[in-house]
Amino acid sequence: VEDDLLQEVLASSLDFDKDGLFVSDALQDIAHCNTYIVTVPTPTDKNN
């Protein structure tokens, strides 16, 4: 993501009343969401 595009949508605080992206490592911040999209990696081990 180009830095200017990221900065355009980036929100400095949590606000569900307007569009934008707030980033967090605190689980409680996503407690009021209703749609969860999981994009974590699914790797293989040394034996594939």
All heavy atoms as atom14 arrays in JSON, in Angstrom:
{
  "sequence": "VEDDLLQEVLASSLDFDKDGLFVSDALQDIAHCNTYIVTVPTPTDKNN",
  "atom14_mask": [
    [1, 1, 1, 1, 1, 1, 1, 0, 0, 0, 0, 0, 0, 0],
    [1, 1, 1, 1, 1, 1, 1, 1, 1, 0, 0, 0, 0, 0],
    [1, 1, 1, 1, 1, 1, 1, 1, 0, 0, 0, 0, 0, 0],
    [1, 1, 1, 1, 1, 1, 1, 1, 0, 0, 0, 0, 0, 0],
    [1, 1, 1, 1, 1, 1, 1, 1, 0, 0, 0, 0, 0, 0],
    [1, 1, 1, 1, 1, 1, 1, 1, 0, 0, 0, 0, 0, 0],
    [1, 1, 1, 1, 1, 1, 1, 1, 1, 0, 0, 0, 0, 0],
    [1, 1, 1, 1, 1, 1, 1, 1, 1, 0, 0, 0, 0, 0],
    [1, 1, 1, 1, 1, 1, 1, 0, 0, 0, 0, 0, 0, 0],
    [1, 1, 1, 1, 1, 1, 1, 1, 0, 0, 0, 0, 0, 0],
    [1, 1, 1, 1, 1, 0, 0, 0, 0, 0, 0, 0, 0, 0],
    [1, 1, 1, 1, 1, 1, 0, 0, 0, 0, 0, 0, 0, 0],
    [1, 1, 1, 1, 1, 1, 0, 0, 0, 0, 0, 0, 0, 0],
    [1, 1, 1, 1, 1, 1, 1, 1, 0, 0, 0, 0, 0, 0],
    [1, 1, 1, 1, 1, 1, 1, 1, 0, 0, 0, 0, 0, 0],
    [1, 1, 1, 1, 1, 1, 1, 1, 1, 1, 1, 0, 0, 0],
    [1, 1, 1, 1, 1, 1, 1, 1, 0, 0, 0, 0, 0, 0],
    [1, 1, 1, 1, 1, 1, 1, 1, 1, 0, 0, 0, 0, 0],
    [1, 1, 1, 1, 1, 1, 1, 1, 0, 0, 0, 0, 0, 0],
    [1, 1, 1, 1, 0, 0, 0, 0, 0, 0, 0, 0, 0, 0],
    [1, 1, 1, 1, 1, 1, 1, 1, 0, 0, 0, 0, 0, 0],
    [1, 1, 1, 1, 1, 1, 1, 1, 1, 1, 1, 0, 0, 0],
    [1, 1, 1, 1, 1, 1, 1, 0, 0, 0, 0, 0, 0, 0],
    [1, 1, 1, 1, 1, 1, 0, 0, 0, 0, 0, 0, 0, 0],
    [1, 1, 1, 1, 1, 1, 1, 1, 0, 0, 0, 0, 0, 0],
    [1, 1, 1, 1, 1, 0, 0, 0, 0, 0, 0, 0, 0, 0],
    [1, 1, 1, 1, 1, 1, 1, 1, 0, 0, 0, 0, 0, 0],
    [1, 1, 1, 1, 1, 1, 1, 1, 1, 0, 0, 0, 0, 0],
    [1, 1, 1, 1, 1, 1, 1, 1, 0, 0, 0, 0, 0, 0],
    [1, 1, 1, 1, 1, 1, 1, 1, 0, 0, 0, 0, 0, 0],
    [1, 1, 1, 1, 1, 0, 0, 0, 0, 0, 0, 0, 0, 0],
    [1, 1, 1, 1, 1, 1, 1, 1, 1, 1, 0, 0, 0, 0],
    [1, 1, 1, 1, 1, 1, 0, 0, 0, 0, 0, 0, 0, 0],
    [1, 1, 1, 1, 1, 1, 1, 1, 0, 0, 0, 0, 0, 0],
    [1, 1, 1, 1, 1, 1, 1, 0, 0, 0, 0, 0, 0, 0],
    [1, 1, 1, 1, 1, 1, 1, 1, 1, 1, 1, 1, 0, 0],
    [1, 1, 1, 1, 1, 1, 1, 1, 0, 0, 0, 0, 0, 0],
    [1, 1, 1, 1, 1, 1, 1, 0, 0, 0, 0, 0, 0, 0],
    [1, 1, 1, 1, 1, 1, 1, 0, 0, 0, 0, 0, 0, 0],
    [1, 1, 1, 1, 1, 1, 1, 0, 0, 0, 0, 0, 0, 0],
    [1, 1, 1, 1, 1, 1, 1, 0, 0, 0, 0, 0, 0, 0],
    [1, 1, 1, 1, 1, 1, 1, 0, 0, 0, 0, 0, 0, 0],
    [1, 1, 1, 1, 1, 1, 1, 0, 0, 0, 0, 0, 0, 0],
    [1, 1, 1, 1, 1, 1, 1, 0, 0, 0, 0, 0, 0, 0],
    [1, 1, 1, 1, 1, 1, 1, 1, 0, 0, 0, 0, 0, 0],
    [1, 1, 1, 1, 1, 1, 1, 1, 1, 0, 0, 0, 0, 0],
    [1, 1, 1, 1, 1, 1, 1, 1, 0, 0, 0, 0, 0, 0],
    [1, 1, 1, 1, 1, 1, 1, 1, 0, 0, 0, 0, 0, 0]
  ],
  "atom14_positions": [
    [[0.85, -1.19, 0.0], [0.0, 0.0, 0.0], [0.89, 1.23, 0.0], [1.79, 1.36, 0.83], [-0.93, 0.03, 1.23], [-1.77, 1.32, 1.24], [-1.86, -1.19, 1.24], [0.0, 0.0, 0.0], [0.0, 0.0, 0.0], [0.0, 0.0, 0.0], [0.0, 0.0, 0.0], [0.0, 0.0, 0.0], [0.0, 0.0, 0.0], [0.0, 0.0, 0.0]],
    [[0.65, 2.12, -0.95], [1.41, 3.37, -0.99], [1.16, 4.16, 0.29], [0.03, 4.2, 0.81], [1.0, 4.21, -2.2], [1.19, 3.52, -3.55], [2.65, 3.31, -3.9], [3.48, 4.06, -3.38], [2.96, 2.39, -4.68], [0.0, 0.0, 0.0], [0.0, 0.0, 0.0], [0.0, 0.0, 0.0], [0.0, 0.0, 0.0], [0.0, 0.0, 0.0]],
    [[2.2, 4.79, 0.82], [2.08, 5.5, 2.08], [1.0, 6.58, 2.05], [0.26, 6.75, 3.02], [3.42, 6.13, 2.47], [4.45, 5.08, 2.89], [4.06, 3.92, 3.12], [5.65, 5.42, 2.97], [0.0, 0.0, 0.0], [0.0, 0.0, 0.0], [0.0, 0.0, 0.0], [0.0, 0.0, 0.0], [0.0, 0.0, 0.0], [0.0, 0.0, 0.0]],
    [[0.87, 7.29, 0.93], [-0.15, 8.34, 0.86], [-1.55, 7.76, 0.88], [-2.47, 8.35, 1.48], [0.05, 9.21, -0.39], [0.03, 8.41, -1.68], [0.26, 7.18, -1.64], [-0.2, 9.02, -2.75], [0.0, 0.0, 0.0], [0.0, 0.0, 0.0], [0.0, 0.0, 0.0], [0.0, 0.0, 0.0], [0.0, 0.0, 0.0], [0.0, 0.0, 0.0]],
    [[-1.76, 6.58, 0.28], [-3.07, 5.93, 0.32], [-3.4, 5.45, 1.72], [-4.54, 5.54, 2.17], [-3.11, 4.75, -0.66], [-2.96, 5.1, -2.15], [-2.97, 3.83, -2.99], [-4.08, 6.03, -2.59], [0.0, 0.0, 0.0], [0.0, 0.0, 0.0], [0.0, 0.0, 0.0], [0.0, 0.0, 0.0], [0.0, 0.0, 0.0], [0.0, 0.0, 0.0]],
    [[-2.39, 4.91, 2.4], [-2.59, 4.47, 3.78], [-2.95, 5.65, 4.67], [-3.9, 5.58, 5.47], [-1.32, 3.79, 4.29], [-1.28, 3.39, 5.77], [-2.4, 2.4, 6.11], [0.09, 2.79, 6.14], [0.0, 0.0, 0.0], [0.0, 0.0, 0.0], [0.0, 0.0, 0.0], [0.0, 0.0, 0.0], [0.0, 0.0, 0.0], [0.0, 0.0, 0.0]],
    [[-2.22, 6.72, 4.52], [-2.46, 7.91, 5.34], [-3.82, 8.54, 5.09], [-4.41, 9.14, 5.99], [-1.33, 8.91, 5.12], [0.02, 8.45, 5.67], [1.21, 9.17, 5.09], [1.05, 10.25, 4.5], [2.4, 8.6, 5.21], [0.0, 0.0, 0.0], [0.0, 0.0, 0.0], [0.0, 0.0, 0.0], [0.0, 0.0, 0.0], [0.0, 0.0, 0.0]],
    [[-4.34, 8.4, 3.88], [-5.66, 8.95, 3.55], [-6.78, 8.31, 4.36], [-7.75, 8.97, 4.73], [-5.95, 8.75, 2.06], [-5.31, 9.78, 1.15], [-5.62, 9.51, -0.31], [-6.62, 8.79, -0.58], [-4.91, 10.02, -1.2], [0.0, 0.0, 0.0], [0.0, 0.0, 0.0], [0.0, 0.0, 0.0], [0.0, 0.0, 0.0], [0.0, 0.0, 0.0]],
    [[-6.67, 7.01, 4.65], [-7.75, 6.31, 5.35], [-7.44, 6.1, 6.83], [-8.32, 5.7, 7.59], [-8.04, 4.94, 4.7], [-8.48, 5.11, 3.25], [-6.84, 4.0, 4.79], [0.0, 0.0, 0.0], [0.0, 0.0, 0.0], [0.0, 0.0, 0.0], [0.0, 0.0, 0.0], [0.0, 0.0, 0.0], [0.0, 0.0, 0.0], [0.0, 0.0, 0.0]],
    [[-6.2, 6.36, 7.23], [-5.78, 6.06, 8.6], [-6.48, 6.95, 9.61], [-6.55, 8.18, 9.45], [-4.27, 6.23, 8.71], [-3.53, 5.46, 9.82], [-3.74, 3.96, 9.68], [-2.03, 5.78, 9.75], [0.0, 0.0, 0.0], [0.0, 0.0, 0.0], [0.0, 0.0, 0.0], [0.0, 0.0, 0.0], [0.0, 0.0, 0.0], [0.0, 0.0, 0.0]],
    [[-7.01, 6.34, 10.66], [-7.67, 7.08, 11.75], [-6.8, 7.04, 12.99], [-6.19, 6.01, 13.3], [-9.04, 6.49, 12.05], [0.0, 0.0, 0.0], [0.0, 0.0, 0.0], [0.0, 0.0, 0.0], [0.0, 0.0, 0.0], [0.0, 0.0, 0.0], [0.0, 0.0, 0.0], [0.0, 0.0, 0.0], [0.0, 0.0, 0.0], [0.0, 0.0, 0.0]],
    [[-6.73, 8.13, 13.7], [-5.89, 8.21, 14.89], [-6.57, 7.66, 16.13], [-5.93, 7.41, 17.15], [-5.46, 9.66, 15.14], [-6.6, 10.49, 15.26], [0.0, 0.0, 0.0], [0.0, 0.0, 0.0], [0.0, 0.0, 0.0], [0.0, 0.0, 0.0], [0.0, 0.0, 0.0], [0.0, 0.0, 0.0], [0.0, 0.0, 0.0], [0.0, 0.0, 0.0]],
    [[-7.9, 7.49, 16.06], [-8.64, 6.97, 17.2], [-9.77, 6.06, 16.73], [-10.19, 6.11, 15.57], [-9.2, 8.1, 18.06], [-10.09, 8.92, 17.31], [0.0, 0.0, 0.0], [0.0, 0.0, 0.0], [0.0, 0.0, 0.0], [0.0, 0.0, 0.0], [0.0, 0.0, 0.0], [0.0, 0.0, 0.0], [0.0, 0.0, 0.0], [0.0, 0.0, 0.0]],
    [[-10.29, 5.26, 17.63], [-11.36, 4.32, 17.32], [-12.69, 5.06, 17.23], [-13.11, 5.72, 18.18], [-11.42, 3.24, 18.4], [-12.35, 2.06, 18.2], [-12.01, 1.33, 16.92], [-12.27, 1.11, 19.4], [0.0, 0.0, 0.0], [0.0, 0.0, 0.0], [0.0, 0.0, 0.0], [0.0, 0.0, 0.0], [0.0, 0.0, 0.0], [0.0, 0.0, 0.0]],
    [[-13.35, 4.98, 16.07], [-14.62, 5.69, 15.87], [-15.47, 4.91, 14.88], [-15.18, 4.88, 13.69], [-14.36, 7.11, 15.36], [-15.63, 7.96, 15.33], [-16.73, 7.4, 15.53], [-15.52, 9.18, 15.09], [0.0, 0.0, 0.0], [0.0, 0.0, 0.0], [0.0, 0.0, 0.0], [0.0, 0.0, 0.0], [0.0, 0.0, 0.0], [0.0, 0.0, 0.0]],
    [[-16.54, 4.28, 15.38], [-17.41, 3.5, 14.52], [-18.47, 4.34, 13.8], [-19.3, 3.81, 13.07], [-18.11, 2.39, 15.33], [-17.19, 1.25, 15.68], [-16.79, 1.06, 17.0], [-16.71, 0.39, 14.71], [-15.94, 0.02, 17.34], [-15.86, -0.66, 15.04], [-15.47, -0.85, 16.36], [0.0, 0.0, 0.0], [0.0, 0.0, 0.0], [0.0, 0.0, 0.0]],
    [[-18.45, 5.63, 14.02], [-19.43, 6.51, 13.38], [-18.97, 7.05, 12.04], [-19.72, 7.76, 11.36], [-19.79, 7.69, 14.31], [-20.54, 7.23, 15.55], [-21.34, 6.27, 15.44], [-20.32, 7.81, 16.63], [0.0, 0.0, 0.0], [0.0, 0.0, 0.0], [0.0, 0.0, 0.0], [0.0, 0.0, 0.0], [0.0, 0.0, 0.0], [0.0, 0.0, 0.0]],
    [[-17.72, 6.73, 11.65], [-17.26, 7.21, 10.35], [-16.3, 6.19, 9.73], [-15.69, 5.37, 10.42], [-16.59, 8.57, 10.48], [-15.38, 8.63, 11.39], [-14.83, 10.05, 11.46], [-13.59, 10.13, 12.35], [-13.07, 11.52, 12.45], [0.0, 0.0, 0.0], [0.0, 0.0, 0.0], [0.0, 0.0, 0.0], [0.0, 0.0, 0.0], [0.0, 0.0, 0.0]],
    [[-16.19, 6.26, 8.41], [-15.3, 5.36, 7.69], [-13.84, 5.68, 8.01], [-13.51, 6.78, 8.42], [-15.52, 5.49, 6.18], [-16.97, 5.28, 5.79], [-17.7, 4.64, 6.58], [-17.4, 5.76, 4.72], [0.0, 0.0, 0.0], [0.0, 0.0, 0.0], [0.0, 0.0, 0.0], [0.0, 0.0, 0.0], [0.0, 0.0, 0.0], [0.0, 0.0, 0.0]],
    [[-12.99, 4.71, 7.81], [-11.57, 4.9, 8.07], [-10.96, 3.66, 8.69], [-11.67, 2.72, 9.05], [0.0, 0.0, 0.0], [0.0, 0.0, 0.0], [0.0, 0.0, 0.0], [0.0, 0.0, 0.0], [0.0, 0.0, 0.0], [0.0, 0.0, 0.0], [0.0, 0.0, 0.0], [0.0, 0.0, 0.0], [0.0, 0.0, 0.0], [0.0, 0.0, 0.0]],
    [[-9.63, 3.66, 8.78], [-8.9, 2.5, 9.29], [-8.16, 2.85, 10.58], [-7.31, 3.73, 10.6], [-7.89, 2.01, 8.25], [-6.96, 0.87, 8.69], [-7.75, -0.4, 8.99], [-5.89, 0.6, 7.62], [0.0, 0.0, 0.0], [0.0, 0.0, 0.0], [0.0, 0.0, 0.0], [0.0, 0.0, 0.0], [0.0, 0.0, 0.0], [0.0, 0.0, 0.0]],
    [[-8.51, 2.15, 11.63], [-7.79, 2.24, 12.89], [-7.06, 0.92, 13.1], [-7.64, -0.15, 12.97], [-8.74, 2.5, 14.05], [-8.07, 2.57, 15.39], [-7.32, 3.69, 15.75], [-8.17, 1.54, 16.31], [-6.68, 3.77, 16.98], [-7.55, 1.61, 17.55], [-6.8, 2.72, 17.89], [0.0, 0.0, 0.0], [0.0, 0.0, 0.0], [0.0, 0.0, 0.0]],
    [[-5.77, 0.98, 13.39], [-4.99, -0.25, 13.57], [-4.68, -0.45, 15.04], [-4.42, 0.51, 15.77], [-3.7, -0.24, 12.73], [-4.03, -0.19, 11.24], [-2.79, 0.91, 13.1], [0.0, 0.0, 0.0], [0.0, 0.0, 0.0], [0.0, 0.0, 0.0], [0.0, 0.0, 0.0], [0.0, 0.0, 0.0], [0.0, 0.0, 0.0], [0.0, 0.0, 0.0]],
    [[-4.69, -1.71, 15.47], [-4.54, -1.99, 16.9], [-4.03, -3.41, 17.12], [-4.25, -4.31, 16.31], [-5.88, -1.8, 17.61], [-5.8, -2.18, 18.98], [0.0, 0.0, 0.0], [0.0, 0.0, 0.0], [0.0, 0.0, 0.0], [0.0, 0.0, 0.0], [0.0, 0.0, 0.0], [0.0, 0.0, 0.0], [0.0, 0.0, 0.0], [0.0, 0.0, 0.0]],
    [[-3.36, -3.61, 18.25], [-2.99, -4.94, 18.7], [-3.77, -5.34, 19.96], [-3.45, -6.34, 20.61], [-1.49, -5.03, 18.97], [-1.01, -4.04, 20.04], [-1.81, -3.19, 20.5], [0.18, -4.11, 20.42], [0.0, 0.0, 0.0], [0.0, 0.0, 0.0], [0.0, 0.0, 0.0], [0.0, 0.0, 0.0], [0.0, 0.0, 0.0], [0.0, 0.0, 0.0]],
    [[-4.78, -4.54, 20.3], [-5.61, -4.79, 21.49], [-6.92, -5.46, 21.08], [-7.71, -4.89, 20.32], [-5.89, -3.48, 22.23], [0.0, 0.0, 0.0], [0.0, 0.0, 0.0], [0.0, 0.0, 0.0], [0.0, 0.0, 0.0], [0.0, 0.0, 0.0], [0.0, 0.0, 0.0], [0.0, 0.0, 0.0], [0.0, 0.0, 0.0], [0.0, 0.0, 0.0]],
    [[-7.14, -6.65, 21.58], [-8.31, -7.43, 21.18], [-9.62, -6.72, 21.51], [-10.59, -6.81, 20.76], [-8.27, -8.81, 21.85], [-9.29, -9.85, 21.36], [-9.08, -10.15, 19.88], [-9.18, -11.13, 22.18], [0.0, 0.0, 0.0], [0.0, 0.0, 0.0], [0.0, 0.0, 0.0], [0.0, 0.0, 0.0], [0.0, 0.0, 0.0], [0.0, 0.0, 0.0]],
    [[-9.65, -5.98, 22.62], [-10.89, -5.31, 23.02], [-11.35, -4.28, 21.99], [-12.54, -3.92, 21.93], [-10.76, -4.65, 24.39], [-9.73, -3.52, 24.5], [-8.38, -4.01, 24.97], [-8.04, -5.19, 24.8], [-7.6, -3.11, 25.57], [0.0, 0.0, 0.0], [0.0, 0.0, 0.0], [0.0, 0.0, 0.0], [0.0, 0.0, 0.0], [0.0, 0.0, 0.0]],
    [[-10.42, -3.8, 21.16], [-10.77, -2.78, 20.16], [-11.68, -3.34, 19.06], [-12.37, -2.58, 18.39], [-9.52, -2.17, 19.54], [-8.82, -1.21, 20.5], [-9.46, -0.76, 21.47], [-7.62, -0.91, 20.28], [0.0, 0.0, 0.0], [0.0, 0.0, 0.0], [0.0, 0.0, 0.0], [0.0, 0.0, 0.0], [0.0, 0.0, 0.0], [0.0, 0.0, 0.0]],
    [[-11.64, -4.66, 18.84], [-12.49, -5.23, 17.8], [-13.78, -5.84, 18.35], [-14.56, -6.43, 17.6], [-11.72, -6.28, 16.96], [-11.36, -7.51, 17.8], [-10.47, -5.67, 16.35], [-10.78, -8.66, 16.98], [0.0, 0.0, 0.0], [0.0, 0.0, 0.0], [0.0, 0.0, 0.0], [0.0, 0.0, 0.0], [0.0, 0.0, 0.0], [0.0, 0.0, 0.0]],
    [[-14.01, -5.67, 19.65], [-15.16, -6.31, 20.3], [-16.49, -5.8, 19.78], [-17.5, -6.51, 19.84], [-15.07, -6.11, 21.82], [0.0, 0.0, 0.0], [0.0, 0.0, 0.0], [0.0, 0.0, 0.0], [0.0, 0.0, 0.0], [0.0, 0.0, 0.0], [0.0, 0.0, 0.0], [0.0, 0.0, 0.0], [0.0, 0.0, 0.0], [0.0, 0.0, 0.0]],
    [[-16.53, -4.57, 19.27], [-17.78, -3.99, 18.8], [-17.97, -4.13, 17.29], [-18.93, -3.59, 16.74], [-17.88, -2.52, 19.21], [-17.93, -2.33, 20.7], [-19.04, -2.66, 21.45], [-17.01, -1.86, 21.57], [-18.79, -2.41, 22.73], [-17.57, -1.91, 22.83], [0.0, 0.0, 0.0], [0.0, 0.0, 0.0], [0.0, 0.0, 0.0], [0.0, 0.0, 0.0]],
    [[-17.09, -4.86, 16.64], [-17.26, -5.13, 15.21], [-18.31, -6.21, 15.01], [-18.62, -6.98, 15.94], [-15.94, -5.56, 14.59], [-14.68, -4.25, 14.57], [0.0, 0.0, 0.0], [0.0, 0.0, 0.0], [0.0, 0.0, 0.0], [0.0, 0.0, 0.0], [0.0, 0.0, 0.0], [0.0, 0.0, 0.0], [0.0, 0.0, 0.0], [0.0, 0.0, 0.0]],
    [[-18.85, -6.31, 13.81], [-19.82, -7.37, 13.52], [-19.42, -8.21, 12.31], [-20.08, -9.19, 11.99], [-21.23, -6.8, 13.33], [-21.29, -5.7, 12.28], [-20.43, -5.61, 11.39], [-22.3, -4.84, 12.38], [0.0, 0.0, 0.0], [0.0, 0.0, 0.0], [0.0, 0.0, 0.0], [0.0, 0.0, 0.0], [0.0, 0.0, 0.0], [0.0, 0.0, 0.0]],
    [[-18.34, -7.84, 11.65], [-17.84, -8.59, 10.51], [-16.33, -8.76, 10.67], [-15.58, -7.78, 10.68], [-18.14, -7.85, 9.19], [-19.54, -7.57, 9.1], [-17.72, -8.7, 7.99], [0.0, 0.0, 0.0], [0.0, 0.0, 0.0], [0.0, 0.0, 0.0], [0.0, 0.0, 0.0], [0.0, 0.0, 0.0], [0.0, 0.0, 0.0], [0.0, 0.0, 0.0]],
    [[-15.88, -10.0, 10.82], [-14.48, -10.3, 11.06], [-13.9, -11.02, 9.84], [-14.44, -12.05, 9.41], [-14.32, -11.16, 12.31], [-14.84, -10.47, 13.56], [-16.17, -10.62, 13.97], [-14.01, -9.65, 14.32], [-16.65, -9.99, 15.09], [-14.48, -9.01, 15.45], [-15.8, -9.17, 15.83], [-16.28, -8.52, 16.96], [0.0, 0.0, 0.0], [0.0, 0.0, 0.0]],
    [[-12.82, -10.47, 9.3], [-12.2, -11.06, 8.12], [-10.79, -11.52, 8.49], [-9.94, -10.72, 8.87], [-12.17, -10.05, 6.96], [-13.6, -9.64, 6.61], [-11.47, -10.65, 5.74], [-13.72, -8.57, 5.57], [0.0, 0.0, 0.0], [0.0, 0.0, 0.0], [0.0, 0.0, 0.0], [0.0, 0.0, 0.0], [0.0, 0.0, 0.0], [0.0, 0.0, 0.0]],
    [[-10.56, -12.82, 8.4], [-9.31, -13.43, 8.85], [-8.37, -13.62, 7.67], [-8.69, -14.33, 6.71], [-9.59, -14.77, 9.55], [-8.28, -15.42, 10.0], [-10.53, -14.58, 10.74], [0.0, 0.0, 0.0], [0.0, 0.0, 0.0], [0.0, 0.0, 0.0], [0.0, 0.0, 0.0], [0.0, 0.0, 0.0], [0.0, 0.0, 0.0], [0.0, 0.0, 0.0]],
    [[-7.2, -13.0, 7.74], [-6.23, -13.06, 6.64], [-4.85, -13.52, 7.1], [-3.85, -13.16, 6.51], [-6.09, -11.68, 5.96], [-5.53, -10.75, 6.89], [-7.44, -11.15, 5.48], [0.0, 0.0, 0.0], [0.0, 0.0, 0.0], [0.0, 0.0, 0.0], [0.0, 0.0, 0.0], [0.0, 0.0, 0.0], [0.0, 0.0, 0.0], [0.0, 0.0, 0.0]],
    [[-4.8, -14.31, 8.17], [-3.52, -14.76, 8.7], [-2.89, -15.79, 7.77], [-3.58, -16.45, 6.99], [-3.68, -15.36, 10.11], [-4.18, -14.3, 11.09], [-4.6, -16.57, 10.1], [0.0, 0.0, 0.0], [0.0, 0.0, 0.0], [0.0, 0.0, 0.0], [0.0, 0.0, 0.0], [0.0, 0.0, 0.0], [0.0, 0.0, 0.0], [0.0, 0.0, 0.0]],
    [[-1.56, -15.97, 7.84], [-0.9, -16.94, 6.96], [-1.21, -18.38, 7.35], [-1.52, -18.67, 8.51], [0.59, -16.62, 7.16], [0.67, -16.0, 8.52], [-0.6, -15.22, 8.68], [0.0, 0.0, 0.0], [0.0, 0.0, 0.0], [0.0, 0.0, 0.0], [0.0, 0.0, 0.0], [0.0, 0.0, 0.0], [0.0, 0.0, 0.0], [0.0, 0.0, 0.0]],
    [[-1.13, -19.26, 6.37], [-1.26, -20.7, 6.61], [-0.05, -21.39, 5.98], [-0.1, -21.82, 4.83], [-2.57, -21.26, 6.01], [-2.78, -20.69, 4.69], [-3.75, -20.93, 6.88], [0.0, 0.0, 0.0], [0.0, 0.0, 0.0], [0.0, 0.0, 0.0], [0.0, 0.0, 0.0], [0.0, 0.0, 0.0], [0.0, 0.0, 0.0], [0.0, 0.0, 0.0]],
    [[1.04, -21.48, 6.72], [2.28, -22.02, 6.17], [2.32, -23.55, 6.2], [1.34, -24.22, 6.55], [3.33, -21.43, 7.12], [2.6, -21.31, 8.43], [1.17, -20.98, 8.08], [0.0, 0.0, 0.0], [0.0, 0.0, 0.0], [0.0, 0.0, 0.0], [0.0, 0.0, 0.0], [0.0, 0.0, 0.0], [0.0, 0.0, 0.0], [0.0, 0.0, 0.0]],
    [[3.46, -24.09, 5.83], [3.73, -25.52, 5.98], [4.95, -25.69, 6.87], [5.76, -24.77, 7.03], [4.0, -26.2, 4.63], [5.1, -25.54, 3.97], [2.76, -26.14, 3.75], [0.0, 0.0, 0.0], [0.0, 0.0, 0.0], [0.0, 0.0, 0.0], [0.0, 0.0, 0.0], [0.0, 0.0, 0.0], [0.0, 0.0, 0.0], [0.0, 0.0, 0.0]],
    [[5.08, -26.88, 7.49], [6.25, -27.15, 8.33], [7.4, -27.66, 7.48], [7.33, -27.7, 6.25], [5.9, -28.11, 9.47], [5.48, -29.5, 8.97], [5.75, -29.85, 7.8], [4.9, -30.26, 9.77], [0.0, 0.0, 0.0], [0.0, 0.0, 0.0], [0.0, 0.0, 0.0], [0.0, 0.0, 0.0], [0.0, 0.0, 0.0], [0.0, 0.0, 0.0]],
    [[8.49, -28.09, 8.14], [9.68, -28.53, 7.42], [9.43, -29.77, 6.58], [10.19, -30.06, 5.64], [10.83, -28.78, 8.4], [10.59, -29.91, 9.39], [11.79, -30.09, 10.3], [11.55, -31.27, 11.26], [12.72, -31.47, 12.16], [0.0, 0.0, 0.0], [0.0, 0.0, 0.0], [0.0, 0.0, 0.0], [0.0, 0.0, 0.0], [0.0, 0.0, 0.0]],
    [[8.36, -30.49, 6.89], [7.99, -31.67, 6.12], [6.86, -31.37, 5.13], [6.23, -32.27, 4.58], [7.56, -32.8, 7.06], [8.7, -33.27, 7.95], [9.82, -33.48, 7.48], [8.43, -33.41, 9.24], [0.0, 0.0, 0.0], [0.0, 0.0, 0.0], [0.0, 0.0, 0.0], [0.0, 0.0, 0.0], [0.0, 0.0, 0.0], [0.0, 0.0, 0.0]],
    [[6.59, -30.07, 4.92], [5.58, -29.6, 3.98], [4.15, -29.98, 4.35], [3.28, -30.05, 3.49], [5.9, -30.08, 2.55], [7.2, -29.52, 2.03], [7.47, -28.32, 2.16], [8.02, -30.37, 1.43], [0.0, 0.0, 0.0], [0.0, 0.0, 0.0], [0.0, 0.0, 0.0], [0.0, 0.0, 0.0], [0.0, 0.0, 0.0], [0.0, 0.0, 0.0]]
  ]
}
